[in-house]
Amino acid sequence: MKLNWVTLNVRDLEKSLYFYTKVLKLNVSARFGDENHQIVMLGEADGTKIELIFEPNAQIENPGNGVSIGLETDNLEKLIDELKNMGYRVTGPVSPNPHIRFFFVQDPDGYTIQLIEQK
């Protein structure tokens, strides 16, 4: 079994794209659909992706409730500083053992993103 993607239904595609591509630096690997149903795949072409689905008239109840997505970074402190300077609220960092540190931030829809640095 291989995980291909995680799907997030979003309220504002442009805000979500800004967060994932400009803030977290993920690549757009595919984008398709029309004005009533848009899909954007984020991540490397041959890797696991985050799928953003935007339907302008959809009601999204409690987005992000109980969902957390972990992404690895090379420089945790730099990313924490960048996010704080952009106005995002950061929780952590936490280091449960000497080989891993992480913190949490919420995307524009309330999905929890865990950013991890492993050594």
PDB file of N, CA and C in Angstrom:
ATOM      1  N   MET A   1       0.848  -1.175   0.000  1.00  0.00           N
ATOM      2  CA  MET A   1       0.000   0.000   0.000  1.00  0.00           C
ATOM      3  C   MET A   1       0.895   1.239   0.000  1.00  0.00           C
ATOM      4  N   LYS A   2       0.530   2.219  -0.812  1.00  0.00           N
ATOM      5  CA  LYS A   2       1.289   3.462  -0.901  1.00  0.00           C
ATOM      6  C   LYS A   2       0.313   4.632  -0.778  1.00  0.00           C
ATOM      7  N   LEU A   3       0.650   5.596   0.069  1.00  0.00           N
ATOM      8  CA  LEU A   3      -0.175   6.788   0.205  1.00  0.00           C
ATOM      9  C   LEU A   3       0.110   7.713  -0.971  1.00  0.00           C
ATOM     10  N   ASN A   4      -0.913   8.061  -1.735  1.00  0.00           N
ATOM     11  CA  ASN A   4      -0.752   8.915  -2.903  1.00  0.00           C
ATOM     12  C   ASN A   4      -1.014  10.383  -2.597  1.00  0.00           C
ATOM     13  N   TRP A   5      -2.107  10.675  -1.872  1.00  0.00           N
ATOM     14  CA  TRP A   5      -2.406  12.053  -1.525  1.00  0.00           C
ATOM     15  C   TRP A   5      -3.365  12.122  -0.360  1.00  0.00           C
ATOM     16  N   VAL A   6      -3.433  13.327   0.206  1.00  0.00           N
ATOM     17  CA  VAL A   6      -4.398  13.673   1.233  1.00  0.00           C
ATOM     18  C   VAL A   6      -5.226  14.806   0.650  1.00  0.00           C
ATOM     19  N   THR A   7      -6.544  14.693   0.727  1.00  0.00           N
ATOM     20  CA  THR A   7      -7.438  15.686   0.141  1.00  0.00           C
ATOM     21  C   THR A   7      -7.918  16.674   1.200  1.00  0.00           C
ATOM     22  N   LEU A   8      -7.831  17.964   0.864  1.00  0.00           N
ATOM     23  CA  LEU A   8      -8.346  19.027   1.720  1.00  0.00           C
ATOM     24  C   LEU A   8      -9.364  19.834   0.922  1.00  0.00           C
ATOM     25  N   ASN A   9     -10.570  19.948   1.429  1.00  0.00           N
ATOM     26  CA  ASN A   9     -11.565  20.821   0.828  1.00  0.00           C
ATOM     27  C   ASN A   9     -11.327  22.218   1.379  1.00  0.00           C
ATOM     28  N   VAL A  10     -11.193  23.198   0.491  1.00  0.00           N
ATOM     29  CA  VAL A  10     -10.826  24.545   0.913  1.00  0.00           C
ATOM     30  C   VAL A  10     -11.906  25.552   0.533  1.00  0.00           C
ATOM     31  N   ARG A  11     -11.976  26.624   1.326  1.00  0.00           N
ATOM     32  CA  ARG A  11     -12.974  27.684   1.110  1.00  0.00           C
ATOM     33  C   ARG A  11     -12.502  28.738   0.123  1.00  0.00           C
ATOM     34  N   ASP A  12     -11.202  29.026   0.113  1.00  0.00           N
ATOM     35  CA  ASP A  12     -10.632  30.069  -0.737  1.00  0.00           C
ATOM     36  C   ASP A  12      -9.358  29.502  -1.356  1.00  0.00           C
ATOM     37  N   LEU A  13      -9.455  29.109  -2.617  1.00  0.00           N
ATOM     38  CA  LEU A  13      -8.329  28.431  -3.271  1.00  0.00           C
ATOM     39  C   LEU A  13      -7.096  29.325  -3.330  1.00  0.00           C
ATOM     40  N   GLU A  14      -7.258  30.593  -3.591  1.00  0.00           N
ATOM     41  CA  GLU A  14      -6.094  31.475  -3.705  1.00  0.00           C
ATOM     42  C   GLU A  14      -5.363  31.630  -2.374  1.00  0.00           C
ATOM     43  N   LYS A  15      -6.105  31.754  -1.271  1.00  0.00           N
ATOM     44  CA  LYS A  15      -5.459  31.823   0.046  1.00  0.00           C
ATOM     45  C   LYS A  15      -4.713  30.531   0.355  1.00  0.00           C
ATOM     46  N   SER A  16      -5.330  29.405   0.029  1.00  0.00           N
ATOM     47  CA  SER A  16      -4.685  28.110   0.273  1.00  0.00           C
ATOM     48  C   SER A  16      -3.450  27.942  -0.596  1.00  0.00           C
ATOM     49  N   LEU A  17      -3.548  28.331  -1.864  1.00  0.00           N
ATOM     50  CA  LEU A  17      -2.382  28.229  -2.750  1.00  0.00           C
ATOM     51  C   LEU A  17      -1.238  29.112  -2.261  1.00  0.00           C
ATOM     52  N   TYR A  18      -1.558  30.302  -1.794  1.00  0.00           N
ATOM     53  CA  TYR A  18      -0.519  31.172  -1.247  1.00  0.00           C
ATOM     54  C   TYR A  18       0.172  30.488  -0.066  1.00  0.00           C
ATOM     55  N   PHE A  19      -0.615  29.955   0.862  1.00  0.00           N
ATOM     56  CA  PHE A  19      -0.049  29.302   2.046  1.00  0.00           C
ATOM     57  C   PHE A  19       0.852  28.124   1.660  1.00  0.00           C
ATOM     58  N   TYR A  20       0.358  27.254   0.810  1.00  0.00           N
ATOM     59  CA  TYR A  20       1.119  26.033   0.500  1.00  0.00           C
ATOM     60  C   TYR A  20       2.275  26.261  -0.476  1.00  0.00           C
ATOM     61  N   THR A  21       2.114  27.189  -1.423  1.00  0.00           N
ATOM     62  CA  THR A  21       3.183  27.374  -2.408  1.00  0.00           C
ATOM     63  C   THR A  21       4.165  28.474  -2.024  1.00  0.00           C
ATOM     64  N   LYS A  22       3.684  29.580  -1.495  1.00  0.00           N
ATOM     65  CA  LYS A  22       4.584  30.688  -1.147  1.00  0.00           C
ATOM     66  C   LYS A  22       5.172  30.552   0.250  1.00  0.00           C
ATOM     67  N   VAL A  23       4.344  30.166   1.214  1.00  0.00           N
ATOM     68  CA  VAL A  23       4.805  30.059   2.599  1.00  0.00           C
ATOM     69  C   VAL A  23       5.556  28.755   2.826  1.00  0.00           C
ATOM     70  N   LEU A  24       4.945  27.630   2.442  1.00  0.00           N
ATOM     71  CA  LEU A  24       5.571  26.324   2.681  1.00  0.00           C
ATOM     72  C   LEU A  24       6.397  25.816   1.504  1.00  0.00           C
ATOM     73  N   LYS A  25       6.355  26.510   0.387  1.00  0.00           N
ATOM     74  CA  LYS A  25       7.206  26.229  -0.779  1.00  0.00           C
ATOM     75  C   LYS A  25       6.929  24.878  -1.459  1.00  0.00           C
ATOM     76  N   LEU A  26       5.682  24.422  -1.430  1.00  0.00           N
ATOM     77  CA  LEU A  26       5.329  23.206  -2.158  1.00  0.00           C
ATOM     78  C   LEU A  26       5.090  23.544  -3.626  1.00  0.00           C
ATOM     79  N   ASN A  27       5.414  22.613  -4.503  1.00  0.00           N
ATOM     80  CA  ASN A  27       5.204  22.785  -5.934  1.00  0.00           C
ATOM     81  C   ASN A  27       3.783  22.406  -6.326  1.00  0.00           C
ATOM     82  N   VAL A  28       3.243  23.085  -7.330  1.00  0.00           N
ATOM     83  CA  VAL A  28       1.985  22.666  -7.947  1.00  0.00           C
ATOM     84  C   VAL A  28       2.357  21.639  -8.999  1.00  0.00           C
ATOM     85  N   SER A  29       1.908  20.391  -8.808  1.00  0.00           N
ATOM     86  CA  SER A  29       2.251  19.350  -9.774  1.00  0.00           C
ATOM     87  C   SER A  29       1.149  19.143 -10.808  1.00  0.00           C
ATOM     88  N   ALA A  30      -0.084  19.571 -10.499  1.00  0.00           N
ATOM     89  CA  ALA A  30      -1.182  19.495 -11.476  1.00  0.00           C
ATOM     90  C   ALA A  30      -2.289  20.437 -11.022  1.00  0.00           C
ATOM     91  N   ARG A  31      -3.005  20.942 -12.014  1.00  0.00           N
ATOM     92  CA  ARG A  31      -4.150  21.815 -11.718  1.00  0.00           C
ATOM     93  C   ARG A  31      -5.153  21.627 -12.834  1.00  0.00           C
ATOM     94  N   PHE A  32      -6.416  21.357 -12.458  1.00  0.00           N
ATOM     95  CA  PHE A  32      -7.434  21.144 -13.473  1.00  0.00           C
ATOM     96  C   PHE A  32      -8.816  21.408 -12.902  1.00  0.00           C
ATOM     97  N   GLY A  33      -9.803  21.432 -13.794  1.00  0.00           N
ATOM     98  CA  GLY A  33     -11.178  21.688 -13.399  1.00  0.00           C
ATOM     99  C   GLY A  33     -11.713  22.929 -14.068  1.00  0.00           C
ATOM    100  N   ASP A  34     -12.857  23.390 -13.569  1.00  0.00           N
ATOM    101  CA  ASP A  34     -13.473  24.605 -14.091  1.00  0.00           C
ATOM    102  C   ASP A  34     -13.882  25.493 -12.921  1.00  0.00           C
ATOM    103  N   GLU A  35     -14.658  26.548 -13.197  1.00  0.00           N
ATOM    104  CA  GLU A  35     -14.993  27.494 -12.133  1.00  0.00           C
ATOM    105  C   GLU A  35     -15.869  26.884 -11.028  1.00  0.00           C
ATOM    106  N   ASN A  36     -16.503  25.744 -11.295  1.00  0.00           N
ATOM    107  CA  ASN A  36     -17.364  25.101 -10.304  1.00  0.00           C
ATOM    108  C   ASN A  36     -16.681  24.000  -9.503  1.00  0.00           C
ATOM    109  N   HIS A  37     -15.542  23.537  -9.976  1.00  0.00           N
ATOM    110  CA  HIS A  37     -14.843  22.437  -9.293  1.00  0.00           C
ATOM    111  C   HIS A  37     -13.370  22.456  -9.733  1.00  0.00           C
ATOM    112  N   GLN A  38     -12.503  22.911  -8.840  1.00  0.00           N
ATOM    113  CA  GLN A  38     -11.083  22.985  -9.162  1.00  0.00           C
ATOM    114  C   GLN A  38     -10.293  22.049  -8.253  1.00  0.00           C
ATOM    115  N   ILE A  39      -9.275  21.430  -8.825  1.00  0.00           N
ATOM    116  CA  ILE A  39      -8.391  20.542  -8.083  1.00  0.00           C
ATOM    117  C   ILE A  39      -6.961  20.980  -8.342  1.00  0.00           C
ATOM    118  N   VAL A  40      -6.188  21.098  -7.262  1.00  0.00           N
ATOM    119  CA  VAL A  40      -4.767  21.424  -7.368  1.00  0.00           C
ATOM    120  C   VAL A  40      -4.006  20.371  -6.573  1.00  0.00           C
ATOM    121  N   MET A  41      -3.029  19.743  -7.229  1.00  0.00           N
ATOM    122  CA  MET A  41      -2.178  18.750  -6.584  1.00  0.00           C
ATOM    123  C   MET A  41      -0.854  19.427  -6.229  1.00  0.00           C
ATOM    124  N   LEU A  42      -0.458  19.316  -4.959  1.00  0.00           N
ATOM    125  CA  LEU A  42       0.766  19.945  -4.463  1.00  0.00           C
ATOM    126  C   LEU A  42       1.769  18.876  -4.069  1.00  0.00           C
ATOM    127  N   GLY A  43       3.018  19.070  -4.445  1.00  0.00           N
ATOM    128  CA  GLY A  43       4.078  18.127  -4.090  1.00  0.00           C
ATOM    129  C   GLY A  43       4.859  17.717  -5.316  1.00  0.00           C
ATOM    130  N   GLU A  44       5.845  16.866  -5.102  1.00  0.00           N
ATOM    131  CA  GLU A  44       6.683  16.391  -6.196  1.00  0.00           C
ATOM    132  C   GLU A  44       5.910  15.415  -7.076  1.00  0.00           C
ATOM    133  N   ALA A  45       6.230  15.391  -8.358  1.00  0.00           N
ATOM    134  CA  ALA A  45       5.501  14.564  -9.323  1.00  0.00           C
ATOM    135  C   ALA A  45       5.450  13.097  -8.929  1.00  0.00           C
ATOM    136  N   ASP A  46       6.527  12.572  -8.368  1.00  0.00           N
ATOM    137  CA  ASP A  46       6.577  11.148  -8.032  1.00  0.00           C
ATOM    138  C   ASP A  46       6.370  10.872  -6.541  1.00  0.00           C
ATOM    139  N   GLY A  47       5.944  11.883  -5.768  1.00  0.00           N
ATOM    140  CA  GLY A  47       5.791  11.720  -4.324  1.00  0.00           C
ATOM    141  C   GLY A  47       4.351  11.842  -3.864  1.00  0.00           C
ATOM    142  N   THR A  48       4.162  11.715  -2.575  1.00  0.00           N
ATOM    143  CA  THR A  48       2.859  11.905  -1.961  1.00  0.00           C
ATOM    144  C   THR A  48       2.458  13.376  -2.092  1.00  0.00           C
ATOM    145  N   LYS A  49       1.182  13.618  -2.319  1.00  0.00           N
ATOM    146  CA  LYS A  49       0.722  14.974  -2.580  1.00  0.00           C
ATOM    147  C   LYS A  49      -0.374  15.406  -1.612  1.00  0.00           C
ATOM    148  N   ILE A  50      -0.581  16.714  -1.574  1.00  0.00           N
ATOM    149  CA  ILE A  50      -1.754  17.302  -0.930  1.00  0.00           C
ATOM    150  C   ILE A  50      -2.657  17.757  -2.071  1.00  0.00           C
ATOM    151  N   GLU A  51      -3.898  17.303  -2.035  1.00  0.00           N
ATOM    152  CA  GLU A  51      -4.875  17.660  -3.058  1.00  0.00           C
ATOM    153  C   GLU A  51      -5.822  18.706  -2.474  1.00  0.00           C
ATOM    154  N   LEU A  52      -5.863  19.869  -3.099  1.00  0.00           N
ATOM    155  CA  LEU A  52      -6.809  20.914  -2.697  1.00  0.00           C
ATOM    156  C   LEU A  52      -8.007  20.854  -3.625  1.00  0.00           C
ATOM    157  N   ILE A  53      -9.192  20.790  -3.047  1.00  0.00           N
ATOM    158  CA  ILE A  53     -10.415  20.808  -3.850  1.00  0.00           C
ATOM    159  C   ILE A  53     -11.202  22.052  -3.469  1.00  0.00           C
ATOM    160  N   PHE A  54     -11.569  22.812  -4.499  1.00  0.00           N
ATOM    161  CA  PHE A  54     -12.337  24.040  -4.289  1.00  0.00           C
ATOM    162  C   PHE A  54     -13.610  23.983  -5.110  1.00  0.00           C
ATOM    163  N   GLU A  55     -14.737  24.102  -4.413  1.00  0.00           N
ATOM    164  CA  GLU A  55     -16.050  24.223  -5.044  1.00  0.00           C
ATOM    165  C   GLU A  55     -16.702  25.460  -4.424  1.00  0.00           C
ATOM    166  N   PRO A  56     -16.866  26.535  -5.191  1.00  0.00           N
ATOM    167  CA  PRO A  56     -17.284  27.818  -4.619  1.00  0.00           C
ATOM    168  C   PRO A  56     -18.594  27.786  -3.830  1.00  0.00           C
ATOM    169  N   ASN A  57     -19.505  26.901  -4.142  1.00  0.00           N
ATOM    170  CA  ASN A  57     -20.792  26.866  -3.449  1.00  0.00           C
ATOM    171  C   ASN A  57     -20.881  25.784  -2.379  1.00  0.00           C
ATOM    172  N   ALA A  58     -19.801  25.080  -2.131  1.00  0.00           N
ATOM    173  CA  ALA A  58     -19.817  23.992  -1.148  1.00  0.00           C
ATOM    174  C   ALA A  58     -19.780  24.545   0.269  1.00  0.00           C
ATOM    175  N   GLN A  59     -20.511  23.906   1.151  1.00  0.00           N
ATOM    176  CA  GLN A  59     -20.481  24.234   2.577  1.00  0.00           C
ATOM    177  C   GLN A  59     -19.452  23.305   3.223  1.00  0.00           C
ATOM    178  N   ILE A  60     -18.431  23.874   3.824  1.00  0.00           N
ATOM    179  CA  ILE A  60     -17.402  23.074   4.481  1.00  0.00           C
ATOM    180  C   ILE A  60     -17.586  23.239   5.980  1.00  0.00           C
ATOM    181  N   GLU A  61     -18.037  22.186   6.629  1.00  0.00           N
ATOM    182  CA  GLU A  61     -18.278  22.201   8.067  1.00  0.00           C
ATOM    183  C   GLU A  61     -17.019  21.760   8.802  1.00  0.00           C
ATOM    184  N   ASN A  62     -16.571  22.535   9.754  1.00  0.00           N
ATOM    185  CA  ASN A  62     -15.423  22.190  10.607  1.00  0.00           C
ATOM    186  C   ASN A  62     -14.200  21.709   9.834  1.00  0.00           C
ATOM    187  N   PRO A  63     -13.713  22.479   8.891  1.00  0.00           N
ATOM    188  CA  PRO A  63     -12.527  22.018   8.169  1.00  0.00           C
ATOM    189  C   PRO A  63     -11.354  21.860   9.130  1.00  0.00           C
ATOM    190  N   GLY A  64     -10.581  20.849   8.910  1.00  0.00           N
ATOM    191  CA  GLY A  64      -9.390  20.644   9.721  1.00  0.00           C
ATOM    192  C   GLY A  64      -9.646  19.969  11.045  1.00  0.00           C
ATOM    193  N   ASN A  65     -10.893  19.706  11.396  1.00  0.00           N
ATOM    194  CA  ASN A  65     -11.212  19.106  12.681  1.00  0.00           C
ATOM    195  C   ASN A  65     -10.619  17.699  12.764  1.00  0.00           C
ATOM    196  N   GLY A  66      -9.571  17.547  13.563  1.00  0.00           N
ATOM    197  CA  GLY A  66      -8.954  16.247  13.763  1.00  0.00           C
ATOM    198  C   GLY A  66      -7.940  15.848  12.713  1.00  0.00           C
ATOM    199  N   VAL A  67      -7.645  16.735  11.755  1.00  0.00           N
ATOM    200  CA  VAL A  67      -6.691  16.419  10.694  1.00  0.00           C
ATOM    201  C   VAL A  67      -5.378  17.138  10.959  1.00  0.00           C
ATOM    202  N   SER A  68      -4.282  16.415  10.831  1.00  0.00           N
ATOM    203  CA  SER A  68      -2.945  17.011  10.935  1.00  0.00           C
ATOM    204  C   SER A  68      -2.080  16.392   9.845  1.00  0.00           C
ATOM    205  N   ILE A  69      -1.367  17.240   9.132  1.00  0.00           N
ATOM    206  CA  ILE A  69      -0.489  16.770   8.058  1.00  0.00           C
ATOM    207  C   ILE A  69       0.936  17.130   8.434  1.00  0.00           C
ATOM    208  N   GLY A  70       1.839  16.167   8.410  1.00  0.00           N
ATOM    209  CA  GLY A  70       3.241  16.392   8.753  1.00  0.00           C
ATOM    210  C   GLY A  70       4.095  16.601   7.518  1.00  0.00           C
ATOM    211  N   LEU A  71       4.843  17.694   7.501  1.00  0.00           N
ATOM    212  CA  LEU A  71       5.773  18.006   6.421  1.00  0.00           C
ATOM    213  C   LEU A  71       7.155  18.220   7.017  1.00  0.00           C
ATOM    214  N   GLU A  72       8.182  17.720   6.346  1.00  0.00           N
ATOM    215  CA  GLU A  72       9.544  17.851   6.857  1.00  0.00           C
ATOM    216  C   GLU A  72      10.231  19.073   6.262  1.00  0.00           C
ATOM    217  N   THR A  73      10.998  19.753   7.103  1.00  0.00           N
ATOM    218  CA  THR A  73      11.762  20.925   6.699  1.00  0.00           C
ATOM    219  C   THR A  73      13.222  20.746   7.099  1.00  0.00           C
ATOM    220  N   ASP A  74      14.112  21.452   6.424  1.00  0.00           N
ATOM    221  CA  ASP A  74      15.542  21.377   6.746  1.00  0.00           C
ATOM    222  C   ASP A  74      15.958  22.372   7.820  1.00  0.00           C
ATOM    223  N   ASN A  75      15.176  23.456   7.988  1.00  0.00           N
ATOM    224  CA  ASN A  75      15.563  24.499   8.925  1.00  0.00           C
ATOM    225  C   ASN A  75      14.340  24.963   9.711  1.00  0.00           C
ATOM    226  N   LEU A  76      14.098  24.310  10.820  1.00  0.00           N
ATOM    227  CA  LEU A  76      12.912  24.571  11.630  1.00  0.00           C
ATOM    228  C   LEU A  76      12.875  26.003  12.161  1.00  0.00           C
ATOM    229  N   GLU A  77      13.979  26.481  12.716  1.00  0.00           N
ATOM    230  CA  GLU A  77      14.013  27.832  13.307  1.00  0.00           C
ATOM    231  C   GLU A  77      13.721  28.909  12.265  1.00  0.00           C
ATOM    232  N   LYS A  78      14.299  28.771  11.089  1.00  0.00           N
ATOM    233  CA  LYS A  78      14.071  29.753  10.025  1.00  0.00           C
ATOM    234  C   LYS A  78      12.595  29.781   9.634  1.00  0.00           C
ATOM    235  N   LEU A  79      11.993  28.605   9.508  1.00  0.00           N
ATOM    236  CA  LEU A  79      10.589  28.536   9.127  1.00  0.00           C
ATOM    237  C   LEU A  79       9.685  29.101  10.217  1.00  0.00           C
ATOM    238  N   ILE A  80      10.004  28.833  11.472  1.00  0.00           N
ATOM    239  CA  ILE A  80       9.235  29.413  12.577  1.00  0.00           C
ATOM    240  C   ILE A  80       9.277  30.934  12.506  1.00  0.00           C
ATOM    241  N   ASP A  81      10.477  31.491  12.325  1.00  0.00           N
ATOM    242  CA  ASP A  81      10.624  32.954  12.234  1.00  0.00           C
ATOM    243  C   ASP A  81       9.843  33.522  11.055  1.00  0.00           C
ATOM    244  N   GLU A  82       9.935  32.867   9.885  1.00  0.00           N
ATOM    245  CA  GLU A  82       9.230  33.344   8.695  1.00  0.00           C
ATOM    246  C   GLU A  82       7.718  33.349   8.918  1.00  0.00           C
ATOM    247  N   LEU A  83       7.198  32.257   9.477  1.00  0.00           N
ATOM    248  CA  LEU A  83       5.755  32.179   9.706  1.00  0.00           C
ATOM    249  C   LEU A  83       5.285  33.220  10.713  1.00  0.00           C
ATOM    250  N   LYS A  84       6.040  33.402  11.788  1.00  0.00           N
ATOM    251  CA  LYS A  84       5.665  34.411  12.784  1.00  0.00           C
ATOM    252  C   LYS A  84       5.690  35.804  12.171  1.00  0.00           C
ATOM    253  N   ASN A  85       6.702  36.097  11.349  1.00  0.00           N
ATOM    254  CA  ASN A  85       6.794  37.406  10.699  1.00  0.00           C
ATOM    255  C   ASN A  85       5.647  37.649   9.728  1.00  0.00           C
ATOM    256  N   MET A  86       5.058  36.574   9.183  1.00  0.00           N
ATOM    257  CA  MET A  86       3.912  36.686   8.282  1.00  0.00           C
ATOM    258  C   MET A  86       2.591  36.755   9.039  1.00  0.00           C
ATOM    259  N   GLY A  87       2.646  36.631  10.371  1.00  0.00           N
ATOM    260  CA  GLY A  87       1.445  36.735  11.178  1.00  0.00           C
ATOM    261  C   GLY A  87       0.776  35.418  11.541  1.00  0.00           C
ATOM    262  N   TYR A  88       1.408  34.312  11.213  1.00  0.00           N
ATOM    263  CA  TYR A  88       0.838  33.009  11.576  1.00  0.00           C
ATOM    264  C   TYR A  88       1.164  32.690  13.028  1.00  0.00           C
ATOM    265  N   ARG A  89       0.213  32.038  13.706  1.00  0.00           N
ATOM    266  CA  ARG A  89       0.411  31.616  15.089  1.00  0.00           C
ATOM    267  C   ARG A  89       1.046  30.232  15.078  1.00  0.00           C
ATOM    268  N   VAL A  90       2.199  30.128  15.714  1.00  0.00           N
ATOM    269  CA  VAL A  90       2.978  28.895  15.766  1.00  0.00           C
ATOM    270  C   VAL A  90       2.862  28.303  17.168  1.00  0.00           C
ATOM    271  N   THR A  91       2.653  26.994  17.242  1.00  0.00           N
ATOM    272  CA  THR A  91       2.627  26.290  18.517  1.00  0.00           C
ATOM    273  C   THR A  91       3.841  25.365  18.566  1.00  0.00           C
ATOM    274  N   GLY A  92       4.701  25.581  19.545  1.00  0.00           N
ATOM    275  CA  GLY A  92       5.933  24.798  19.667  1.00  0.00           C
ATOM    276  C   GLY A  92       7.118  25.705  19.464  1.00  0.00           C
ATOM    277  N   PRO A  93       8.284  25.167  19.286  1.00  0.00           N
ATOM    278  CA  PRO A  93       8.593  23.789  18.909  1.00  0.00           C
ATOM    279  C   PRO A  93       8.602  22.831  20.103  1.00  0.00           C
ATOM    280  N   VAL A  94       8.450  21.556  19.760  1.00  0.00           N
ATOM    281  CA  VAL A  94       8.464  20.457  20.705  1.00  0.00           C
ATOM    282  C   VAL A  94       9.555  19.490  20.262  1.00  0.00           C
ATOM    283  N   SER A  95      10.266  18.917  21.221  1.00  0.00           N
ATOM    284  CA  SER A  95      11.309  17.943  20.908  1.00  0.00           C
ATOM    285  C   SER A  95      11.125  16.722  21.809  1.00  0.00           C
ATOM    286  N   PRO A  96      10.373  15.704  21.325  1.00  0.00           N
ATOM    287  CA  PRO A  96      10.114  14.535  22.156  1.00  0.00           C
ATOM    288  C   PRO A  96      11.334  13.640  22.358  1.00  0.00           C
ATOM    289  N   ASN A  97      12.340  13.807  21.488  1.00  0.00           N
ATOM    290  CA  ASN A  97      13.605  13.089  21.646  1.00  0.00           C
ATOM    291  C   ASN A  97      14.689  13.892  20.927  1.00  0.00           C
ATOM    292  N   PRO A  98      15.965  13.561  21.114  1.00  0.00           N
ATOM    293  CA  PRO A  98      17.038  14.377  20.529  1.00  0.00           C
ATOM    294  C   PRO A  98      17.099  14.385  18.997  1.00  0.00           C
ATOM    295  N   HIS A  99      16.336  13.524  18.343  1.00  0.00           N
ATOM    296  CA  HIS A  99      16.433  13.385  16.891  1.00  0.00           C
ATOM    297  C   HIS A  99      15.313  14.069  16.113  1.00  0.00           C
ATOM    298  N   ILE A 100      14.342  14.624  16.820  1.00  0.00           N
ATOM    299  CA  ILE A 100      13.217  15.238  16.117  1.00  0.00           C
ATOM    300  C   ILE A 100      12.715  16.461  16.882  1.00  0.00           C
ATOM    301  N   ARG A 101      12.366  17.487  16.100  1.00  0.00           N
ATOM    302  CA  ARG A 101      11.710  18.685  16.637  1.00  0.00           C
ATOM    303  C   ARG A 101      10.601  19.043  15.667  1.00  0.00           C
ATOM    304  N   PHE A 102       9.533  19.618  16.197  1.00  0.00           N
ATOM    305  CA  PHE A 102       8.435  20.012  15.324  1.00  0.00           C
ATOM    306  C   PHE A 102       7.618  21.124  15.962  1.00  0.00           C
ATOM    307  N   PHE A 103       6.816  21.775  15.124  1.00  0.00           N
ATOM    308  CA  PHE A 103       5.858  22.772  15.589  1.00  0.00           C
ATOM    309  C   PHE A 103       4.611  22.663  14.727  1.00  0.00           C
ATOM    310  N   PHE A 104       3.568  23.354  15.149  1.00  0.00           N
ATOM    311  CA  PHE A 104       2.297  23.316  14.443  1.00  0.00           C
ATOM    312  C   PHE A 104       1.892  24.715  13.993  1.00  0.00           C
ATOM    313  N   VAL A 105       1.213  24.779  12.847  1.00  0.00           N
ATOM    314  CA  VAL A 105       0.621  26.005  12.330  1.00  0.00           C
ATOM    315  C   VAL A 105      -0.657  25.596  11.610  1.00  0.00           C
ATOM    316  N   GLN A 106      -1.637  26.497  11.568  1.00  0.00           N
ATOM    317  CA  GLN A 106      -2.867  26.182  10.862  1.00  0.00           C
ATOM    318  C   GLN A 106      -2.896  26.875   9.511  1.00  0.00           C
ATOM    319  N   ASP A 107      -3.412  26.149   8.506  1.00  0.00           N
ATOM    320  CA  ASP A 107      -3.564  26.742   7.178  1.00  0.00           C
ATOM    321  C   ASP A 107      -4.802  27.644   7.187  1.00  0.00           C
ATOM    322  N   PRO A 108      -5.110  28.329   6.076  1.00  0.00           N
ATOM    323  CA  PRO A 108      -6.240  29.269   6.067  1.00  0.00           C
ATOM    324  C   PRO A 108      -7.605  28.648   6.402  1.00  0.00           C
ATOM    325  N   ASP A 109      -7.751  27.332   6.245  1.00  0.00           N
ATOM    326  CA  ASP A 109      -9.023  26.676   6.547  1.00  0.00           C
ATOM    327  C   ASP A 109      -9.040  25.992   7.904  1.00  0.00           C
ATOM    328  N   GLY A 110      -7.955  26.089   8.659  1.00  0.00           N
ATOM    329  CA  GLY A 110      -7.920  25.488   9.980  1.00  0.00           C
ATOM    330  C   GLY A 110      -7.317  24.098  10.043  1.00  0.00           C
ATOM    331  N   TYR A 111      -6.797  23.603   8.911  1.00  0.00           N
ATOM    332  CA  TYR A 111      -6.108  22.324   8.938  1.00  0.00           C
ATOM    333  C   TYR A 111      -4.780  22.511   9.663  1.00  0.00           C
ATOM    334  N   THR A 112      -4.438  21.580  10.527  1.00  0.00           N
ATOM    335  CA  THR A 112      -3.208  21.670  11.294  1.00  0.00           C
ATOM    336  C   THR A 112      -2.063  21.081  10.478  1.00  0.00           C
ATOM    337  N   ILE A 113      -1.010  21.871  10.328  1.00  0.00           N
ATOM    338  CA  ILE A 113       0.192  21.433   9.625  1.00  0.00           C
ATOM    339  C   ILE A 113       1.289  21.290  10.662  1.00  0.00           C
ATOM    340  N   GLN A 114       1.881  20.117  10.734  1.00  0.00           N
ATOM    341  CA  GLN A 114       3.000  19.843  11.641  1.00  0.00           C
ATOM    342  C   GLN A 114       4.269  19.905  10.802  1.00  0.00           C
ATOM    343  N   LEU A 115       5.164  20.806  11.152  1.00  0.00           N
ATOM    344  CA  LEU A 115       6.418  20.953  10.421  1.00  0.00           C
ATOM    345  C   LEU A 115       7.537  20.355  11.261  1.00  0.00           C
ATOM    346  N   ILE A 116       8.263  19.427  10.655  1.00  0.00           N
ATOM    347  CA  ILE A 116       9.186  18.534  11.371  1.00  0.00           C
ATOM    348  C   ILE A 116      10.601  18.711  10.854  1.00  0.00           C
ATOM    349  N   GLU A 117      11.551  18.678  11.790  1.00  0.00           N
ATOM    350  CA  GLU A 117      12.975  18.633  11.457  1.00  0.00           C
ATOM    351  C   GLU A 117      13.549  17.400  12.139  1.00  0.00           C
ATOM    352  N   GLN A 118      14.158  16.503  11.350  1.00  0.00           N
ATOM    353  CA  GLN A 118      14.750  15.287  11.893  1.00  0.00           C
ATOM    354  C   GLN A 118      16.262  15.346  11.738  1.00  0.00           C
ATOM    355  N   LYS A 119      16.961  14.834  12.758  1.00  0.00           N
ATOM    356  CA  LYS A 119      18.423  14.818  12.699  1.00  0.00           C
ATOM    357  C   LYS A 119      18.940  13.428  12.924  1.00  0.00           C
TER     358      LYS A 119
END
